[in-house]
Amino acid sequence: MRLLLATRNRKKLTELERILAEHSAVELVGLGDVEEYPEAPETALTFAGNALAKARDAVRHTGLTCVADDSGIAVDALNGMPGVFSARWAGRHGDDEANLELLLGQLGDVPDEERGAAFVCAAALVRPDGSEEVVHGEVRGRIIREPLGDNGFGYDPIFVPDGFAVTTAQLSAVEKDAISHRGKAFRQLAKLL
């Protein structure tokens, strides 16, 4: 089966490839591997709404079974923000460094014990026959004051998962996949395939 992951983010594609490695019947492709189409903007106010919209859009344009996710970080002291705005928190989509700097600045006066957060993921599976499923994954942790680590992307360098003494950017890919929000959601999707 050919499965489209509706993303241009190679790191997400690699992550899903690792998780689906045991499913040899699945050929995973990304948006860069199919004919280009105009992608709808992410306008939903929930992770699930954005994931479903992206997956439906991809199925409509390609005819392939599609997985799409929307994920981000929800910071307790910011009432769950940046949430669905995580990738464009500083104003430019995908500017990880600017997003980190802004978030750290916003939390500057927040005491360490009040810097709780969660990485959240909603992943949608949409098939050409119109059937749809949405699964969720979450990992709780806290935001540290300075970025540490070179692995991962996004907010990984400032997020320490509960039960760990290092950031998700300091974990190996295998360690991160085992606990991450996307890993949890994608493993649920793998069972549905």
N, C-alpha and C. Protein backbone atom coordinates (compact mmCIF):
# COMPACT_ATOMS: atom_id res chain seq x y z
N MET A 1 0.84 -1.18 0.00
CA MET A 1 0.00 0.00 0.00
C MET A 1 0.88 1.25 0.00
N ARG A 2 0.53 2.22 -0.84
CA ARG A 2 1.24 3.50 -0.87
C ARG A 2 0.53 4.45 0.08
N LEU A 3 1.27 5.01 1.02
CA LEU A 3 0.72 5.89 2.04
C LEU A 3 1.40 7.23 1.95
N LEU A 4 0.61 8.29 1.86
CA LEU A 4 1.14 9.65 1.78
C LEU A 4 1.12 10.30 3.16
N LEU A 5 2.26 10.81 3.59
CA LEU A 5 2.32 11.65 4.78
C LEU A 5 2.29 13.09 4.28
N ALA A 6 1.23 13.80 4.58
CA ALA A 6 1.02 15.15 4.04
C ALA A 6 1.89 16.16 4.78
N THR A 7 3.17 16.14 4.46
CA THR A 7 4.11 17.10 5.02
C THR A 7 5.27 17.29 4.07
N ARG A 8 5.90 18.44 4.18
CA ARG A 8 7.16 18.70 3.48
C ARG A 8 8.32 18.62 4.47
N ASN A 9 8.01 18.35 5.72
CA ASN A 9 9.00 18.26 6.79
C ASN A 9 9.66 16.88 6.72
N ARG A 10 10.89 16.83 6.21
CA ARG A 10 11.61 15.55 6.05
C ARG A 10 11.81 14.86 7.40
N LYS A 11 11.96 15.63 8.47
CA LYS A 11 12.19 15.01 9.78
C LYS A 11 10.95 14.25 10.24
N LYS A 12 9.76 14.79 9.97
CA LYS A 12 8.53 14.07 10.31
C LYS A 12 8.41 12.80 9.46
N LEU A 13 8.76 12.91 8.19
CA LEU A 13 8.68 11.76 7.28
C LEU A 13 9.63 10.66 7.76
N THR A 14 10.84 11.02 8.13
CA THR A 14 11.81 10.05 8.64
C THR A 14 11.31 9.40 9.92
N GLU A 15 10.69 10.20 10.78
CA GLU A 15 10.15 9.69 12.04
C GLU A 15 9.08 8.63 11.77
N LEU A 16 8.15 8.93 10.86
CA LEU A 16 7.10 7.96 10.55
C LEU A 16 7.66 6.73 9.85
N GLU A 17 8.67 6.92 9.01
CA GLU A 17 9.32 5.76 8.36
C GLU A 17 9.90 4.82 9.40
N ARG A 18 10.54 5.36 10.44
CA ARG A 18 11.11 4.51 11.50
C ARG A 18 10.00 3.74 12.21
N ILE A 19 8.90 4.42 12.50
CA ILE A 19 7.81 3.78 13.24
C ILE A 19 7.11 2.72 12.40
N LEU A 20 7.01 2.96 11.09
CA LEU A 20 6.33 2.00 10.20
C LEU A 20 7.27 0.94 9.63
N ALA A 21 8.53 0.96 10.04
CA ALA A 21 9.53 0.04 9.46
C ALA A 21 9.09 -1.41 9.53
N GLU A 22 8.36 -1.79 10.58
CA GLU A 22 7.93 -3.18 10.72
C GLU A 22 6.77 -3.53 9.78
N HIS A 23 6.18 -2.52 9.15
CA HIS A 23 5.07 -2.74 8.23
C HIS A 23 5.60 -2.68 6.80
N SER A 24 6.19 -3.76 6.35
CA SER A 24 6.86 -3.77 5.05
C SER A 24 5.90 -3.59 3.88
N ALA A 25 4.61 -3.78 4.11
CA ALA A 25 3.63 -3.65 3.03
C ALA A 25 3.29 -2.18 2.76
N VAL A 26 3.83 -1.26 3.56
CA VAL A 26 3.53 0.16 3.40
C VAL A 26 4.71 0.87 2.74
N GLU A 27 4.43 1.55 1.62
CA GLU A 27 5.42 2.42 0.97
C GLU A 27 5.05 3.85 1.34
N LEU A 28 5.89 4.51 2.13
CA LEU A 28 5.60 5.85 2.61
C LEU A 28 6.19 6.89 1.68
N VAL A 29 5.38 7.87 1.29
CA VAL A 29 5.84 8.98 0.46
C VAL A 29 5.40 10.29 1.12
N GLY A 30 6.13 11.36 0.81
CA GLY A 30 5.79 12.69 1.31
C GLY A 30 5.28 13.57 0.20
N LEU A 31 4.95 14.80 0.52
CA LEU A 31 4.42 15.71 -0.49
C LEU A 31 5.43 16.00 -1.59
N GLY A 32 6.70 15.90 -1.29
CA GLY A 32 7.73 16.10 -2.31
C GLY A 32 7.79 14.97 -3.32
N ASP A 33 7.11 13.86 -3.04
CA ASP A 33 7.14 12.68 -3.92
C ASP A 33 5.91 12.56 -4.81
N VAL A 34 4.96 13.49 -4.68
CA VAL A 34 3.74 13.45 -5.49
C VAL A 34 3.64 14.76 -6.27
N GLU A 35 2.75 14.77 -7.26
CA GLU A 35 2.56 15.99 -8.03
C GLU A 35 2.10 17.11 -7.10
N GLU A 36 2.72 18.27 -7.26
CA GLU A 36 2.42 19.39 -6.38
C GLU A 36 0.98 19.86 -6.57
N TYR A 37 0.35 20.24 -5.47
CA TYR A 37 -0.99 20.80 -5.51
C TYR A 37 -1.06 21.95 -4.51
N PRO A 38 -2.02 22.86 -4.68
CA PRO A 38 -2.13 23.98 -3.73
C PRO A 38 -2.63 23.49 -2.38
N GLU A 39 -1.79 23.65 -1.37
CA GLU A 39 -2.14 23.18 -0.03
C GLU A 39 -3.00 24.21 0.69
N ALA A 40 -4.07 23.73 1.30
CA ALA A 40 -4.95 24.61 2.05
C ALA A 40 -4.24 25.09 3.32
N PRO A 41 -4.49 26.33 3.74
CA PRO A 41 -3.87 26.81 4.98
C PRO A 41 -4.45 26.12 6.21
N GLU A 42 -3.67 26.07 7.27
CA GLU A 42 -4.13 25.48 8.53
C GLU A 42 -4.93 26.56 9.27
N THR A 43 -6.24 26.41 9.27
CA THR A 43 -7.09 27.44 9.88
C THR A 43 -7.91 26.93 11.05
N ALA A 44 -7.88 25.63 11.31
CA ALA A 44 -8.65 25.09 12.43
C ALA A 44 -8.02 25.52 13.75
N LEU A 45 -8.82 25.54 14.80
CA LEU A 45 -8.33 25.94 16.11
C LEU A 45 -7.99 24.75 16.99
N THR A 46 -7.99 23.55 16.39
CA THR A 46 -7.59 22.34 17.12
C THR A 46 -6.58 21.57 16.29
N PHE A 47 -5.76 20.77 16.98
CA PHE A 47 -4.80 19.92 16.27
C PHE A 47 -5.55 18.93 15.37
N ALA A 48 -6.62 18.33 15.89
CA ALA A 48 -7.38 17.34 15.12
C ALA A 48 -8.00 17.98 13.88
N GLY A 49 -8.53 19.18 14.02
CA GLY A 49 -9.14 19.86 12.88
C GLY A 49 -8.14 20.13 11.77
N ASN A 50 -6.94 20.57 12.13
CA ASN A 50 -5.90 20.83 11.12
C ASN A 50 -5.41 19.54 10.48
N ALA A 51 -5.23 18.49 11.29
CA ALA A 51 -4.76 17.20 10.75
C ALA A 51 -5.77 16.65 9.75
N LEU A 52 -7.05 16.66 10.11
CA LEU A 52 -8.08 16.17 9.20
C LEU A 52 -8.15 16.98 7.92
N ALA A 53 -8.08 18.29 8.03
CA ALA A 53 -8.14 19.15 6.84
C ALA A 53 -6.99 18.85 5.89
N LYS A 54 -5.77 18.70 6.43
CA LYS A 54 -4.61 18.40 5.58
C LYS A 54 -4.75 17.03 4.92
N ALA A 55 -5.20 16.04 5.68
CA ALA A 55 -5.34 14.69 5.13
C ALA A 55 -6.43 14.63 4.07
N ARG A 56 -7.57 15.26 4.33
CA ARG A 56 -8.66 15.29 3.34
C ARG A 56 -8.20 15.97 2.05
N ASP A 57 -7.50 17.08 2.20
CA ASP A 57 -7.00 17.83 1.06
C ASP A 57 -6.05 16.96 0.23
N ALA A 58 -5.15 16.25 0.90
CA ALA A 58 -4.18 15.39 0.19
C ALA A 58 -4.87 14.24 -0.53
N VAL A 59 -5.86 13.62 0.10
CA VAL A 59 -6.59 12.52 -0.55
C VAL A 59 -7.31 13.05 -1.79
N ARG A 60 -7.93 14.21 -1.66
CA ARG A 60 -8.67 14.79 -2.78
C ARG A 60 -7.76 15.05 -3.99
N HIS A 61 -6.53 15.50 -3.73
CA HIS A 61 -5.62 15.85 -4.82
C HIS A 61 -4.81 14.68 -5.36
N THR A 62 -4.59 13.64 -4.53
CA THR A 62 -3.71 12.55 -4.96
C THR A 62 -4.41 11.21 -5.13
N GLY A 63 -5.53 11.02 -4.46
CA GLY A 63 -6.21 9.73 -4.50
C GLY A 63 -5.54 8.66 -3.64
N LEU A 64 -4.52 9.05 -2.87
CA LEU A 64 -3.81 8.10 -2.01
C LEU A 64 -4.37 8.13 -0.59
N THR A 65 -4.25 7.01 0.11
CA THR A 65 -4.52 7.01 1.54
C THR A 65 -3.51 7.96 2.18
N CYS A 66 -3.98 8.76 3.10
CA CYS A 66 -3.12 9.82 3.62
C CYS A 66 -3.13 9.89 5.15
N VAL A 67 -1.95 10.20 5.68
CA VAL A 67 -1.79 10.51 7.09
C VAL A 67 -1.32 11.96 7.16
N ALA A 68 -1.93 12.72 8.04
CA ALA A 68 -1.47 14.09 8.30
C ALA A 68 -1.51 14.30 9.80
N ASP A 69 -0.58 15.09 10.28
CA ASP A 69 -0.61 15.39 11.70
C ASP A 69 -0.53 16.88 11.91
N ASP A 70 -0.99 17.29 13.04
CA ASP A 70 -0.74 18.65 13.51
C ASP A 70 -0.29 18.47 14.94
N SER A 71 0.78 19.13 15.25
CA SER A 71 1.34 18.95 16.58
C SER A 71 1.99 20.24 17.03
N GLY A 72 2.22 20.32 18.31
CA GLY A 72 2.85 21.50 18.85
C GLY A 72 3.03 21.37 20.34
N ILE A 73 3.37 22.48 20.93
CA ILE A 73 3.62 22.49 22.36
C ILE A 73 2.56 23.35 23.05
N ALA A 74 2.07 22.84 24.15
CA ALA A 74 1.07 23.56 24.94
C ALA A 74 1.70 23.86 26.30
N VAL A 75 1.92 25.12 26.58
CA VAL A 75 2.61 25.54 27.80
C VAL A 75 1.59 25.97 28.85
N ASP A 76 1.66 25.36 30.02
CA ASP A 76 0.69 25.62 31.08
C ASP A 76 0.61 27.10 31.44
N ALA A 77 1.76 27.76 31.61
CA ALA A 77 1.79 29.16 32.03
C ALA A 77 1.24 30.10 30.96
N LEU A 78 1.10 29.60 29.74
CA LEU A 78 0.55 30.40 28.64
C LEU A 78 -0.85 29.91 28.25
N ASN A 79 -1.51 29.25 29.20
CA ASN A 79 -2.87 28.75 28.96
C ASN A 79 -2.97 27.85 27.73
N GLY A 80 -1.94 27.01 27.54
CA GLY A 80 -1.96 26.05 26.44
C GLY A 80 -1.39 26.56 25.13
N MET A 81 -0.98 27.79 25.10
CA MET A 81 -0.36 28.33 23.88
C MET A 81 1.12 27.94 23.88
N PRO A 82 1.80 27.92 22.77
CA PRO A 82 1.36 28.31 21.45
C PRO A 82 0.37 27.34 20.77
N GLY A 83 0.26 26.11 21.25
CA GLY A 83 -0.73 25.19 20.71
C GLY A 83 -0.66 25.05 19.20
N VAL A 84 -1.79 25.23 18.52
CA VAL A 84 -1.82 25.05 17.05
C VAL A 84 -0.99 26.09 16.32
N PHE A 85 -0.54 27.12 17.03
CA PHE A 85 0.29 28.15 16.43
C PHE A 85 1.78 27.90 16.65
N SER A 86 2.15 26.75 17.16
CA SER A 86 3.54 26.46 17.54
C SER A 86 4.53 26.70 16.42
N ALA A 87 4.25 26.25 15.21
CA ALA A 87 5.21 26.36 14.10
C ALA A 87 5.38 27.79 13.62
N ARG A 88 4.43 28.67 13.93
CA ARG A 88 4.50 30.06 13.48
C ARG A 88 4.35 31.04 14.64
N TRP A 89 4.74 30.63 15.83
CA TRP A 89 4.57 31.44 17.04
C TRP A 89 5.24 32.80 16.91
N ALA A 90 6.39 32.85 16.28
CA ALA A 90 7.12 34.11 16.15
C ALA A 90 6.73 34.87 14.88
N GLY A 91 5.77 34.34 14.14
CA GLY A 91 5.28 35.07 12.96
C GLY A 91 5.65 34.46 11.63
N ARG A 92 6.69 33.66 11.57
CA ARG A 92 7.11 33.02 10.32
C ARG A 92 7.04 31.52 10.50
N HIS A 93 6.34 30.84 9.63
CA HIS A 93 6.15 29.39 9.76
C HIS A 93 7.49 28.66 9.69
N GLY A 94 7.75 27.82 10.68
CA GLY A 94 8.93 26.96 10.66
C GLY A 94 10.23 27.61 11.09
N ASP A 95 10.20 28.82 11.64
CA ASP A 95 11.43 29.47 12.11
C ASP A 95 11.68 29.02 13.55
N ASP A 96 12.29 27.83 13.68
CA ASP A 96 12.48 27.23 15.00
C ASP A 96 13.21 28.14 15.98
N GLU A 97 14.27 28.78 15.50
CA GLU A 97 15.07 29.62 16.40
C GLU A 97 14.25 30.80 16.93
N ALA A 98 13.52 31.47 16.06
CA ALA A 98 12.70 32.61 16.49
C ALA A 98 11.59 32.14 17.43
N ASN A 99 10.99 31.00 17.14
CA ASN A 99 9.93 30.47 18.01
C ASN A 99 10.47 30.18 19.41
N LEU A 100 11.65 29.54 19.46
CA LEU A 100 12.27 29.23 20.76
C LEU A 100 12.56 30.51 21.54
N GLU A 101 13.17 31.48 20.87
CA GLU A 101 13.53 32.73 21.55
C GLU A 101 12.29 33.43 22.10
N LEU A 102 11.23 33.49 21.29
CA LEU A 102 10.02 34.15 21.75
C LEU A 102 9.41 33.43 22.95
N LEU A 103 9.31 32.11 22.87
CA LEU A 103 8.73 31.34 23.97
C LEU A 103 9.55 31.49 25.24
N LEU A 104 10.87 31.39 25.12
CA LEU A 104 11.72 31.56 26.30
C LEU A 104 11.58 32.96 26.89
N GLY A 105 11.47 33.97 26.03
CA GLY A 105 11.27 35.33 26.50
C GLY A 105 9.95 35.49 27.24
N GLN A 106 8.90 34.85 26.72
CA GLN A 106 7.59 34.94 27.37
C GLN A 106 7.57 34.24 28.73
N LEU A 107 8.44 33.26 28.90
CA LEU A 107 8.50 32.52 30.17
C LEU A 107 9.62 33.00 31.09
N GLY A 108 10.27 34.08 30.72
CA GLY A 108 11.42 34.56 31.45
C GLY A 108 11.22 34.71 32.94
N ASP A 109 10.08 35.22 33.37
CA ASP A 109 9.82 35.46 34.80
C ASP A 109 9.05 34.32 35.46
N VAL A 110 8.77 33.25 34.71
CA VAL A 110 7.99 32.13 35.27
C VAL A 110 8.94 31.21 36.03
N PRO A 111 8.64 30.94 37.32
CA PRO A 111 9.51 30.06 38.11
C PRO A 111 9.59 28.65 37.51
N ASP A 112 10.70 27.98 37.75
CA ASP A 112 10.93 26.66 37.20
C ASP A 112 9.79 25.68 37.49
N GLU A 113 9.24 25.74 38.69
CA GLU A 113 8.20 24.79 39.08
C GLU A 113 6.86 25.06 38.38
N GLU A 114 6.76 26.18 37.65
CA GLU A 114 5.52 26.51 36.94
C GLU A 114 5.71 26.49 35.43
N ARG A 115 6.73 25.79 34.96
CA ARG A 115 7.04 25.77 33.53
C ARG A 115 6.62 24.45 32.87
N GLY A 116 5.52 23.88 33.36
CA GLY A 116 5.00 22.65 32.80
C GLY A 116 4.50 22.86 31.37
N ALA A 117 4.57 21.79 30.59
CA ALA A 117 4.14 21.86 29.19
C ALA A 117 3.88 20.45 28.69
N ALA A 118 3.30 20.37 27.53
CA ALA A 118 3.08 19.07 26.88
C ALA A 118 3.26 19.23 25.39
N PHE A 119 3.95 18.26 24.79
CA PHE A 119 3.93 18.14 23.34
C PHE A 119 2.66 17.36 23.01
N VAL A 120 1.88 17.86 22.06
CA VAL A 120 0.59 17.28 21.70
C VAL A 120 0.58 17.00 20.21
N CYS A 121 -0.01 15.87 19.82
CA CYS A 121 -0.13 15.52 18.41
C CYS A 121 -1.50 14.92 18.13
N ALA A 122 -2.11 15.37 17.06
CA ALA A 122 -3.30 14.71 16.51
C ALA A 122 -2.89 14.23 15.12
N ALA A 123 -3.11 12.96 14.85
CA ALA A 123 -2.78 12.40 13.54
C ALA A 123 -4.05 11.83 12.92
N ALA A 124 -4.28 12.19 11.67
CA ALA A 124 -5.48 11.76 10.97
C ALA A 124 -5.10 10.80 9.85
N LEU A 125 -5.89 9.75 9.72
CA LEU A 125 -5.77 8.80 8.62
C LEU A 125 -7.05 8.93 7.80
N VAL A 126 -6.91 9.31 6.53
CA VAL A 126 -8.06 9.46 5.64
C VAL A 126 -7.81 8.59 4.42
N ARG A 127 -8.81 7.80 4.10
CA ARG A 127 -8.71 6.89 2.95
C ARG A 127 -9.54 7.43 1.79
N PRO A 128 -9.20 7.03 0.57
CA PRO A 128 -9.96 7.50 -0.59
C PRO A 128 -11.45 7.14 -0.53
N ASP A 129 -11.82 6.11 0.22
CA ASP A 129 -13.24 5.75 0.34
C ASP A 129 -14.00 6.67 1.29
N GLY A 130 -13.30 7.65 1.89
CA GLY A 130 -13.93 8.62 2.78
C GLY A 130 -13.85 8.27 4.25
N SER A 131 -13.37 7.08 4.58
CA SER A 131 -13.26 6.73 6.00
C SER A 131 -12.12 7.52 6.65
N GLU A 132 -12.33 7.88 7.91
CA GLU A 132 -11.39 8.74 8.62
C GLU A 132 -11.21 8.26 10.05
N GLU A 133 -10.00 8.42 10.55
CA GLU A 133 -9.73 8.14 11.96
C GLU A 133 -8.72 9.16 12.45
N VAL A 134 -8.90 9.60 13.69
CA VAL A 134 -7.97 10.54 14.31
C VAL A 134 -7.50 9.94 15.63
N VAL A 135 -6.20 9.99 15.85
CA VAL A 135 -5.62 9.51 17.10
C VAL A 135 -4.80 10.63 17.72
N HIS A 136 -4.53 10.50 19.01
CA HIS A 136 -3.82 11.56 19.73
C HIS A 136 -2.65 10.98 20.51
N GLY A 137 -1.62 11.78 20.64
CA GLY A 137 -0.48 11.42 21.47
C GLY A 137 -0.04 12.64 22.26
N GLU A 138 0.47 12.42 23.45
CA GLU A 138 0.91 13.53 24.29
C GLU A 138 2.06 13.07 25.17
N VAL A 139 2.99 13.96 25.42
CA VAL A 139 4.05 13.71 26.40
C VAL A 139 4.19 14.97 27.25
N ARG A 140 4.10 14.78 28.56
CA ARG A 140 4.21 15.90 29.50
C ARG A 140 5.68 16.13 29.85
N GLY A 141 5.98 17.35 30.26
CA GLY A 141 7.33 17.70 30.66
C GLY A 141 7.39 19.14 31.15
N ARG A 142 8.55 19.73 30.98
CA ARG A 142 8.73 21.12 31.42
C ARG A 142 9.68 21.84 30.46
N ILE A 143 9.57 23.15 30.47
CA ILE A 143 10.41 24.01 29.61
C ILE A 143 11.60 24.48 30.44
N ILE A 144 12.80 24.25 29.91
CA ILE A 144 14.00 24.75 30.59
C ILE A 144 14.33 26.15 30.07
N ARG A 145 15.35 26.76 30.63
CA ARG A 145 15.64 28.17 30.34
C ARG A 145 16.56 28.40 29.14
N GLU A 146 17.33 27.38 28.73
CA GLU A 146 18.25 27.53 27.60
C GLU A 146 18.21 26.27 26.75
N PRO A 147 18.29 26.40 25.43
CA PRO A 147 18.28 25.22 24.55
C PRO A 147 19.48 24.31 24.80
N LEU A 148 19.22 22.99 24.79
CA LEU A 148 20.27 21.98 24.93
C LEU A 148 20.00 20.85 23.94
N GLY A 149 21.05 20.42 23.23
CA GLY A 149 20.93 19.28 22.33
C GLY A 149 20.77 19.67 20.88
N ASP A 150 21.20 18.74 20.01
CA ASP A 150 21.18 18.99 18.57
C ASP A 150 20.26 18.06 17.80
N ASN A 151 19.65 17.09 18.47
CA ASN A 151 18.76 16.17 17.77
C ASN A 151 17.35 16.77 17.76
N GLY A 152 16.51 16.24 16.93
CA GLY A 152 15.13 16.71 16.89
C GLY A 152 15.00 18.05 16.18
N PHE A 153 13.88 18.71 16.42
CA PHE A 153 13.58 19.98 15.77
C PHE A 153 12.51 20.69 16.58
N GLY A 154 12.13 21.88 16.15
CA GLY A 154 11.10 22.63 16.85
C GLY A 154 11.52 22.98 18.26
N TYR A 155 10.68 22.65 19.22
CA TYR A 155 10.90 23.01 20.61
C TYR A 155 11.68 21.94 21.38
N ASP A 156 12.16 20.90 20.69
CA ASP A 156 12.89 19.82 21.36
C ASP A 156 14.03 20.30 22.27
N PRO A 157 14.82 21.32 21.86
CA PRO A 157 15.95 21.72 22.70
C PRO A 157 15.59 22.35 24.05
N ILE A 158 14.32 22.71 24.25
CA ILE A 158 13.95 23.34 25.53
C ILE A 158 12.94 22.51 26.31
N PHE A 159 12.63 21.30 25.85
CA PHE A 159 11.61 20.47 26.49
C PHE A 159 12.23 19.24 27.14
N VAL A 160 12.05 19.12 28.45
CA VAL A 160 12.52 17.95 29.21
C VAL A 160 11.29 17.12 29.57
N PRO A 161 11.17 15.91 29.01
CA PRO A 161 10.01 15.08 29.33
C PRO A 161 10.02 14.62 30.79
N ASP A 162 8.83 14.44 31.34
CA ASP A 162 8.73 13.92 32.70
C ASP A 162 9.50 12.61 32.81
N GLY A 163 10.26 12.47 33.91
CA GLY A 163 11.04 11.25 34.14
C GLY A 163 12.42 11.27 33.50
N PHE A 164 12.75 12.35 32.81
CA PHE A 164 14.06 12.47 32.15
C PHE A 164 14.82 13.66 32.71
N ALA A 165 16.14 13.62 32.53
CA ALA A 165 16.99 14.73 32.97
C ALA A 165 17.59 15.46 31.78
N VAL A 166 17.17 15.09 30.57
CA VAL A 166 17.70 15.70 29.34
C VAL A 166 16.53 16.13 28.46
N THR A 167 16.82 17.03 27.51
CA THR A 167 15.79 17.48 26.59
C THR A 167 15.54 16.41 25.52
N THR A 168 14.43 16.55 24.81
CA THR A 168 14.16 15.62 23.71
C THR A 168 15.18 15.81 22.58
N ALA A 169 15.85 16.94 22.54
CA ALA A 169 16.91 17.15 21.55
C ALA A 169 18.21 16.47 21.95
N GLN A 170 18.28 15.95 23.17
CA GLN A 170 19.46 15.22 23.62
C GLN A 170 19.23 13.70 23.57
N LEU A 171 18.02 13.30 23.25
CA LEU A 171 17.71 11.87 23.13
C LEU A 171 18.07 11.37 21.74
N SER A 172 18.36 10.09 21.62
CA SER A 172 18.56 9.50 20.30
C SER A 172 17.19 9.44 19.62
N ALA A 173 17.18 9.24 18.32
CA ALA A 173 15.93 9.13 17.57
C ALA A 173 15.06 8.00 18.12
N VAL A 174 15.68 6.87 18.43
CA VAL A 174 14.93 5.72 18.94
C VAL A 174 14.32 6.04 20.31
N GLU A 175 15.11 6.68 21.18
CA GLU A 175 14.60 7.05 22.51
C GLU A 175 13.44 8.04 22.39
N LYS A 176 13.60 9.02 21.51
CA LYS A 176 12.55 10.03 21.34
C LYS A 176 11.28 9.39 20.78
N ASP A 177 11.41 8.55 19.75
CA ASP A 177 10.24 7.89 19.15
C ASP A 177 9.46 7.10 20.19
N ALA A 178 10.17 6.50 21.15
CA ALA A 178 9.52 5.65 22.16
C ALA A 178 8.60 6.43 23.08
N ILE A 179 8.88 7.73 23.28
CA ILE A 179 8.09 8.51 24.24
C ILE A 179 7.35 9.68 23.62
N SER A 180 7.69 10.07 22.40
CA SER A 180 7.18 11.32 21.86
C SER A 180 5.69 11.30 21.55
N HIS A 181 5.13 12.48 21.50
CA HIS A 181 3.72 12.67 21.15
C HIS A 181 3.42 12.12 19.77
N ARG A 182 4.30 12.40 18.80
CA ARG A 182 4.10 11.89 17.44
C ARG A 182 4.30 10.39 17.39
N GLY A 183 5.31 9.90 18.12
CA GLY A 183 5.55 8.46 18.18
C GLY A 183 4.33 7.73 18.71
N LYS A 184 3.73 8.26 19.79
CA LYS A 184 2.53 7.63 20.36
C LYS A 184 1.38 7.63 19.36
N ALA A 185 1.16 8.77 18.70
CA ALA A 185 0.06 8.85 17.74
C ALA A 185 0.32 7.98 16.52
N PHE A 186 1.53 8.03 15.98
CA PHE A 186 1.84 7.26 14.78
C PHE A 186 1.79 5.75 15.04
N ARG A 187 2.19 5.32 16.24
CA ARG A 187 2.08 3.89 16.55
C ARG A 187 0.61 3.44 16.58
N GLN A 188 -0.26 4.32 17.06
CA GLN A 188 -1.70 4.00 17.02
C GLN A 188 -2.18 3.89 15.58
N LEU A 189 -1.71 4.80 14.73
CA LEU A 189 -2.10 4.75 13.31
C LEU A 189 -1.56 3.50 12.64
N ALA A 190 -0.35 3.11 12.99
CA ALA A 190 0.25 1.92 12.38
C ALA A 190 -0.64 0.71 12.63
N LYS A 191 -1.25 0.64 13.82
CA LYS A 191 -2.16 -0.49 14.12
C LYS A 191 -3.39 -0.46 13.23
N LEU A 192 -3.82 0.74 12.82
CA LEU A 192 -5.01 0.88 11.97
C LEU A 192 -4.71 0.49 10.53
N LEU A 193 -3.45 0.49 10.15
CA LEU A 193 -3.08 0.13 8.78
C LEU A 193 -3.06 -1.37 8.61
